[in-house]
Amino acid sequence: MALVLNASRQHAGLTVAELWLACFGIGWTGTEDDLADVLTGDRVPPSREYDVIAQAINDRFTELGHSYPVPYADEL
C-alpha cells in the first residue's frame, strides 16, 4: 500500500504537505505526520483512510489530464 501511494504522490508532483491539504479537504482527519507514516509504511491505514489518500492523488492526476492510476482499497 505505502509503495503505491508514495510513488503515485511523487509521480503527481505532490509534496506530503500538499497531499495532506488535499486529503484534509475531502475528509482526512489525521495530521500531516499521520499521512507521512502511511506513506512510509510505518502505519497501515484503514480502508477509508486509504481511499481518501487515493482519491486526493487521483484528483491531482485528473487535474493534470491523466487517468486514475491509484487503486482503491477494494481493488487491492
Protein backbone atom coordinates (compact mmCIF):
# COMPACT_ATOMS: atom_id res chain seq x y z
CA MET A 1 0.00 0.00 0.00
CA ALA A 2 2.61 2.53 1.07
CA LEU A 3 4.73 1.97 -2.04
CA VAL A 4 1.77 2.55 -4.36
CA LEU A 5 0.62 5.67 -2.54
CA ASN A 6 4.03 7.26 -2.17
CA ALA A 7 5.14 6.50 -5.73
CA SER A 8 1.85 7.90 -7.05
CA ARG A 9 2.21 11.01 -4.88
CA GLN A 10 5.66 11.62 -6.28
CA HIS A 11 4.50 10.97 -9.85
CA ALA A 12 1.71 13.51 -9.34
CA GLY A 13 4.26 16.06 -8.18
CA LEU A 14 2.72 16.46 -4.73
CA THR A 15 4.67 17.14 -1.56
CA VAL A 16 3.48 15.43 1.60
CA ALA A 17 2.14 18.79 2.80
CA GLU A 18 0.22 19.35 -0.44
CA LEU A 19 -1.22 15.85 -0.32
CA TRP A 20 -2.20 16.31 3.33
CA LEU A 21 -4.04 19.52 2.45
CA ALA A 22 -5.85 17.79 -0.43
CA CYS A 23 -6.76 14.87 1.85
CA PHE A 24 -7.94 17.23 4.57
CA GLY A 25 -10.20 18.91 2.03
CA ILE A 26 -12.01 15.65 1.32
CA GLY A 27 -12.32 14.31 4.83
CA TRP A 28 -8.93 13.29 6.20
CA THR A 29 -8.89 13.83 9.95
CA GLY A 30 -5.30 12.83 10.67
CA THR A 31 -2.25 15.02 10.93
CA GLU A 32 0.41 15.53 8.31
CA ASP A 33 2.63 13.23 10.38
CA ASP A 34 -0.08 10.53 10.27
CA LEU A 35 -0.09 10.81 6.49
CA ALA A 36 3.70 10.67 6.32
CA ASP A 37 3.60 7.49 8.43
CA VAL A 38 1.19 5.91 5.95
CA LEU A 39 3.38 6.93 3.01
CA THR A 40 6.50 5.42 4.59
CA GLY A 41 4.73 2.23 5.63
CA ASP A 42 5.07 2.94 9.35
CA ARG A 43 1.29 2.89 9.67
CA VAL A 44 -1.28 0.85 7.78
CA PRO A 45 -4.43 2.91 7.27
CA PRO A 46 -7.95 1.54 7.49
CA SER A 47 -9.64 1.19 4.09
CA ARG A 48 -11.50 4.51 4.40
CA GLU A 49 -8.31 6.47 5.09
CA TYR A 50 -6.51 4.71 2.27
CA ASP A 51 -9.35 5.62 -0.08
CA VAL A 52 -9.20 9.30 0.94
CA ILE A 53 -5.48 9.38 0.12
CA ALA A 54 -6.03 7.55 -3.17
CA GLN A 55 -8.86 9.94 -4.08
CA ALA A 56 -6.72 13.00 -3.37
CA ILE A 57 -3.93 11.67 -5.58
CA ASN A 58 -6.38 10.66 -8.31
CA ASP A 59 -7.91 14.14 -8.19
CA ARG A 60 -4.47 15.58 -8.85
CA PHE A 61 -3.95 13.19 -11.76
CA THR A 62 -7.29 14.36 -13.17
CA GLU A 63 -6.15 17.98 -12.90
CA LEU A 64 -3.05 17.00 -14.86
CA GLY A 65 -5.14 15.26 -17.54
CA HIS A 66 -4.11 11.73 -16.56
CA SER A 67 -6.23 8.68 -15.78
CA TYR A 68 -6.77 7.15 -12.33
CA PRO A 69 -3.67 5.11 -11.59
CA VAL A 70 -4.17 4.66 -7.83
CA PRO A 71 -6.41 1.71 -7.00
CA TYR A 72 -8.91 1.98 -4.17
CA ALA A 73 -8.84 -0.36 -1.17
CA ASP A 74 -11.43 -2.74 -2.59
CA GLU A 75 -9.29 -3.12 -5.74
CA LEU A 76 -6.14 -4.22 -3.88
